[in-house]
């Protein structure tokens, strides 16, 4: 398992943008495709909303990568 600690600049980040900013994809559009595929879990639950707002304290997981948002 790979862990990434991500610090927010504002109140939240959209899920597809988080995947891009964490380096897991090359663009927000590619991030949307990954979310739509059902591969992303937020706080243990599958998340299909591409622009879901991710706040501090949440955990996003895709395959063997876990992003801890602070």
C-alpha atoms as a PDB file:
ATOM      1  CA  UNK A   1       0.000   0.000   0.000  1.00  0.00           C
ATOM      2  CA  UNK A   2       1.258   3.451  -0.955  1.00  0.00           C
ATOM      3  CA  UNK A   3       0.226   6.394   1.222  1.00  0.00           C
ATOM      4  CA  UNK A   4      -0.010   9.994   0.049  1.00  0.00           C
ATOM      5  CA  UNK A   5      -0.618  12.896   2.438  1.00  0.00           C
ATOM      6  CA  UNK A   6      -2.402  15.729   0.622  1.00  0.00           C
ATOM      7  CA  UNK A   7      -2.803  19.168   2.197  1.00  0.00           C
ATOM      8  CA  UNK A   8      -5.776  21.252   1.072  1.00  0.00           C
ATOM      9  CA  UNK A   9      -5.301  24.862  -0.017  1.00  0.00           C
ATOM     10  CA  UNK A  10      -8.979  25.695   0.533  1.00  0.00           C
ATOM     11  CA  UNK A  11     -12.072  24.145   2.104  1.00  0.00           C
ATOM     12  CA  UNK A  12     -12.250  21.205  -0.311  1.00  0.00           C
ATOM     13  CA  UNK A  13     -10.948  19.699  -3.545  1.00  0.00           C
ATOM     14  CA  UNK A  14     -13.043  17.964  -6.209  1.00  0.00           C
ATOM     15  CA  UNK A  15     -12.361  14.231  -6.396  1.00  0.00           C
ATOM     16  CA  UNK A  16     -11.222  14.183 -10.035  1.00  0.00           C
ATOM     17  CA  UNK A  17      -8.842  17.094  -9.347  1.00  0.00           C
ATOM     18  CA  UNK A  18      -7.461  15.360  -6.249  1.00  0.00           C
ATOM     19  CA  UNK A  19      -6.471  12.357  -8.366  1.00  0.00           C
ATOM     20  CA  UNK A  20      -4.651  14.697 -10.756  1.00  0.00           C
ATOM     21  CA  UNK A  21      -2.955  16.748  -8.024  1.00  0.00           C
ATOM     22  CA  UNK A  22      -1.833  13.581  -6.221  1.00  0.00           C
ATOM     23  CA  UNK A  23      -0.163  12.412  -9.434  1.00  0.00           C
ATOM     24  CA  UNK A  24      -2.429   9.426 -10.058  1.00  0.00           C
ATOM     25  CA  UNK A  25      -3.526  10.664 -13.489  1.00  0.00           C
ATOM     26  CA  UNK A  26      -2.466  13.279 -16.031  1.00  0.00           C
ATOM     27  CA  UNK A  27      -5.634  15.377 -16.216  1.00  0.00           C
ATOM     28  CA  UNK A  28      -8.935  16.131 -14.531  1.00  0.00           C
ATOM     29  CA  UNK A  29     -10.683  14.454 -17.469  1.00  0.00           C
ATOM     30  CA  UNK A  30      -8.732  11.264 -16.907  1.00  0.00           C
ATOM     31  CA  UNK A  31      -9.608  11.553 -13.218  1.00  0.00           C
ATOM     32  CA  UNK A  32     -13.299  11.676 -14.139  1.00  0.00           C
ATOM     33  CA  UNK A  33     -12.941   8.455 -16.138  1.00  0.00           C
ATOM     34  CA  UNK A  34     -11.246   6.715 -13.194  1.00  0.00           C
ATOM     35  CA  UNK A  35     -14.043   7.801 -10.837  1.00  0.00           C
ATOM     36  CA  UNK A  36     -16.728   6.726 -13.348  1.00  0.00           C
ATOM     37  CA  UNK A  37     -15.120   3.271 -13.581  1.00  0.00           C
ATOM     38  CA  UNK A  38     -15.985   2.638  -9.926  1.00  0.00           C
ATOM     39  CA  UNK A  39     -12.355   2.227  -8.844  1.00  0.00           C
ATOM     40  CA  UNK A  40     -12.395   5.017  -6.238  1.00  0.00           C
ATOM     41  CA  UNK A  41     -13.494   4.708  -2.614  1.00  0.00           C
ATOM     42  CA  UNK A  42     -13.985   7.632  -0.226  1.00  0.00           C
ATOM     43  CA  UNK A  43     -13.994   6.759   3.469  1.00  0.00           C
ATOM     44  CA  UNK A  44     -14.521   3.107   2.517  1.00  0.00           C
ATOM     45  CA  UNK A  45     -17.526   3.703   0.238  1.00  0.00           C
ATOM     46  CA  UNK A  46     -17.500   3.543  -3.553  1.00  0.00           C
ATOM     47  CA  UNK A  47     -17.776   7.059  -4.986  1.00  0.00           C
ATOM     48  CA  UNK A  48     -19.111   7.633  -8.502  1.00  0.00           C
ATOM     49  CA  UNK A  49     -19.610  11.422  -8.343  1.00  0.00           C
ATOM     50  CA  UNK A  50     -16.705  12.821 -10.347  1.00  0.00           C
ATOM     51  CA  UNK A  51     -16.731  16.242  -8.681  1.00  0.00           C
ATOM     52  CA  UNK A  52     -17.519  15.038  -5.157  1.00  0.00           C
ATOM     53  CA  UNK A  53     -16.113  17.535  -2.642  1.00  0.00           C
ATOM     54  CA  UNK A  54     -13.304  16.012  -0.583  1.00  0.00           C
ATOM     55  CA  UNK A  55     -12.659  17.720   2.769  1.00  0.00           C
ATOM     56  CA  UNK A  56      -9.875  17.509   5.355  1.00  0.00           C
ATOM     57  CA  UNK A  57      -9.965  14.262   7.311  1.00  0.00           C
ATOM     58  CA  UNK A  58     -11.286  12.143   4.466  1.00  0.00           C
ATOM     59  CA  UNK A  59      -9.448   9.157   2.982  1.00  0.00           C
ATOM     60  CA  UNK A  60      -9.537   8.387  -0.752  1.00  0.00           C
ATOM     61  CA  UNK A  61      -8.406   4.985  -1.973  1.00  0.00           C
ATOM     62  CA  UNK A  62      -7.774   3.745  -5.491  1.00  0.00           C
ATOM     63  CA  UNK A  63      -6.238   0.302  -6.028  1.00  0.00           C
ATOM     64  CA  UNK A  64      -3.276   0.096  -3.628  1.00  0.00           C
ATOM     65  CA  UNK A  65      -2.936   3.877  -3.113  1.00  0.00           C
ATOM     66  CA  UNK A  66      -4.462   5.703  -0.148  1.00  0.00           C
ATOM     67  CA  UNK A  67      -4.668   9.507  -0.115  1.00  0.00           C
ATOM     68  CA  UNK A  68      -5.085  11.080   3.313  1.00  0.00           C
ATOM     69  CA  UNK A  69      -6.491  14.575   2.987  1.00  0.00           C
ATOM     70  CA  UNK A  70      -5.428  17.120   5.587  1.00  0.00           C
END
